[in-house]
Amino acid sequence: MGQIKFKWFYTELVEAFMRAVVRNRKKYLTTEWWEFTVNWIENLSEEDRDFIQFVFSEEYYYSSDGVACYSSDKKTYFSKREWLFSLEKKFAIDAGLIADQTNDDKAHK
């Protein structure tokens, strides 16, 4: 049986920021968001940066297509999708779009 995965509420916004920077569409972002996103991508590991630049390149309209076409001997489509979700969540936390919920935070609720 298939598995349905839903996007988080911040996914579209985060992907729009990354897509604009990777495709060099500066006019679509404010200066602050442009600079933040550029710096955030530049500070990723080389592997993460290459992945983001591939997934959001002009060659792919949807991030799911970029994820599916990203070549990796070690990763399945679902592990690459989880990798992207993890990076998007990190971006959202670093940008202050969502709170960083550690296990300690969850235990106190």
Protein backbone atom coordinates (compact mmCIF):
# COMPACT_ATOMS: atom_id res chain seq x y z
CA MET A 1 0.00 0.00 0.00
CA GLY A 2 1.22 3.53 -0.79
CA GLN A 3 2.23 6.07 1.77
CA ILE A 4 0.92 9.64 1.77
CA LYS A 5 3.26 12.38 2.94
CA PHE A 6 1.96 15.85 3.68
CA LYS A 7 3.94 19.07 3.46
CA TRP A 8 4.49 21.24 6.51
CA PHE A 9 2.88 24.68 6.51
CA TYR A 10 6.26 26.36 5.94
CA THR A 11 7.34 24.13 3.04
CA GLU A 12 6.01 26.28 0.19
CA LEU A 13 7.59 29.46 1.59
CA VAL A 14 10.96 27.84 2.27
CA GLU A 15 11.01 26.22 -1.17
CA ALA A 16 10.13 29.56 -2.80
CA PHE A 17 13.08 31.23 -1.07
CA MET A 18 15.49 28.45 -2.04
CA ARG A 19 14.18 28.30 -5.61
CA ALA A 20 14.57 32.09 -6.03
CA VAL A 21 18.18 32.03 -4.81
CA VAL A 22 19.26 28.93 -6.71
CA ARG A 23 17.69 30.30 -9.91
CA ASN A 24 19.13 33.77 -9.23
CA ARG A 25 15.73 35.48 -9.17
CA LYS A 26 16.67 38.28 -6.80
CA LYS A 27 13.63 40.41 -7.62
CA TYR A 28 11.30 37.86 -5.99
CA LEU A 29 12.72 38.32 -2.48
CA THR A 30 13.34 41.26 -0.21
CA THR A 31 17.00 42.10 0.34
CA GLU A 32 16.88 40.65 3.84
CA TRP A 33 15.41 37.32 2.75
CA TRP A 34 17.74 37.14 -0.25
CA GLU A 35 20.83 37.67 1.92
CA PHE A 36 19.62 35.29 4.61
CA THR A 37 18.89 32.52 2.10
CA VAL A 38 22.15 33.00 0.19
CA ASN A 39 24.15 32.87 3.42
CA TRP A 40 22.18 29.91 4.73
CA ILE A 41 22.83 27.87 1.58
CA GLU A 42 26.50 28.88 1.49
CA ASN A 43 26.97 27.65 5.07
CA LEU A 44 25.63 24.17 4.36
CA SER A 45 27.94 21.22 3.91
CA GLU A 46 29.06 20.71 0.33
CA GLU A 47 26.79 17.67 -0.02
CA ASP A 48 23.73 19.53 1.30
CA ARG A 49 24.50 22.59 -0.84
CA ASP A 50 24.86 20.47 -3.99
CA PHE A 51 21.58 18.72 -3.19
CA ILE A 52 19.69 22.01 -2.71
CA GLN A 53 21.15 23.49 -5.87
CA PHE A 54 20.20 20.40 -7.87
CA VAL A 55 16.67 20.04 -6.50
CA PHE A 56 15.78 23.71 -7.05
CA SER A 57 17.55 24.18 -10.37
CA GLU A 58 15.60 25.51 -13.35
CA GLU A 59 15.52 22.02 -14.80
CA TYR A 60 12.81 20.94 -12.35
CA TYR A 61 9.47 22.65 -11.85
CA TYR A 62 8.64 20.73 -8.67
CA SER A 63 11.05 19.87 -5.87
CA SER A 64 9.76 16.29 -5.97
CA ASP A 65 11.06 15.97 -9.54
CA GLY A 66 14.48 17.27 -8.49
CA VAL A 67 14.55 14.86 -5.56
CA ALA A 68 13.59 11.94 -7.81
CA CYS A 69 16.30 12.77 -10.36
CA TYR A 70 19.09 13.44 -7.85
CA SER A 71 21.64 10.70 -8.34
CA SER A 72 22.68 8.88 -5.20
CA ASP A 73 23.84 5.30 -4.92
CA LYS A 74 23.13 5.22 -1.21
CA LYS A 75 19.73 6.92 -0.95
CA THR A 76 16.24 5.91 -1.95
CA TYR A 77 13.66 8.43 -3.10
CA PHE A 78 12.09 8.46 0.36
CA SER A 79 15.41 9.03 2.14
CA LYS A 80 16.18 11.90 -0.27
CA ARG A 81 12.71 13.33 0.42
CA GLU A 82 13.38 13.11 4.17
CA TRP A 83 16.75 14.79 3.59
CA LEU A 84 15.01 17.70 1.87
CA PHE A 85 12.35 17.91 4.61
CA SER A 86 15.12 18.02 7.22
CA LEU A 87 16.93 20.85 5.42
CA GLU A 88 13.70 22.78 4.97
CA LYS A 89 12.90 22.43 8.67
CA LYS A 90 16.40 23.60 9.58
CA PHE A 91 15.94 26.64 7.32
CA ALA A 92 12.55 27.41 8.91
CA ILE A 93 14.05 27.19 12.41
CA ASP A 94 17.14 29.24 11.52
CA ALA A 95 14.94 31.88 9.85
CA GLY A 96 12.65 32.09 12.86
CA LEU A 97 9.63 30.85 10.94
CA ILE A 98 9.08 28.05 13.47
CA ALA A 99 10.35 27.34 16.96
CA ASP A 100 13.02 24.75 17.58
CA GLN A 101 11.17 22.05 19.49
CA THR A 102 13.65 19.83 21.26
CA ASN A 103 12.61 16.76 23.23
CA ASP A 104 12.83 18.80 26.44
CA ASP A 105 10.35 21.34 25.08
CA LYS A 106 7.90 18.59 24.15
CA ALA A 107 8.17 16.94 27.57
CA HIS A 108 7.03 20.13 29.34
CA LYS A 109 3.81 20.49 27.36
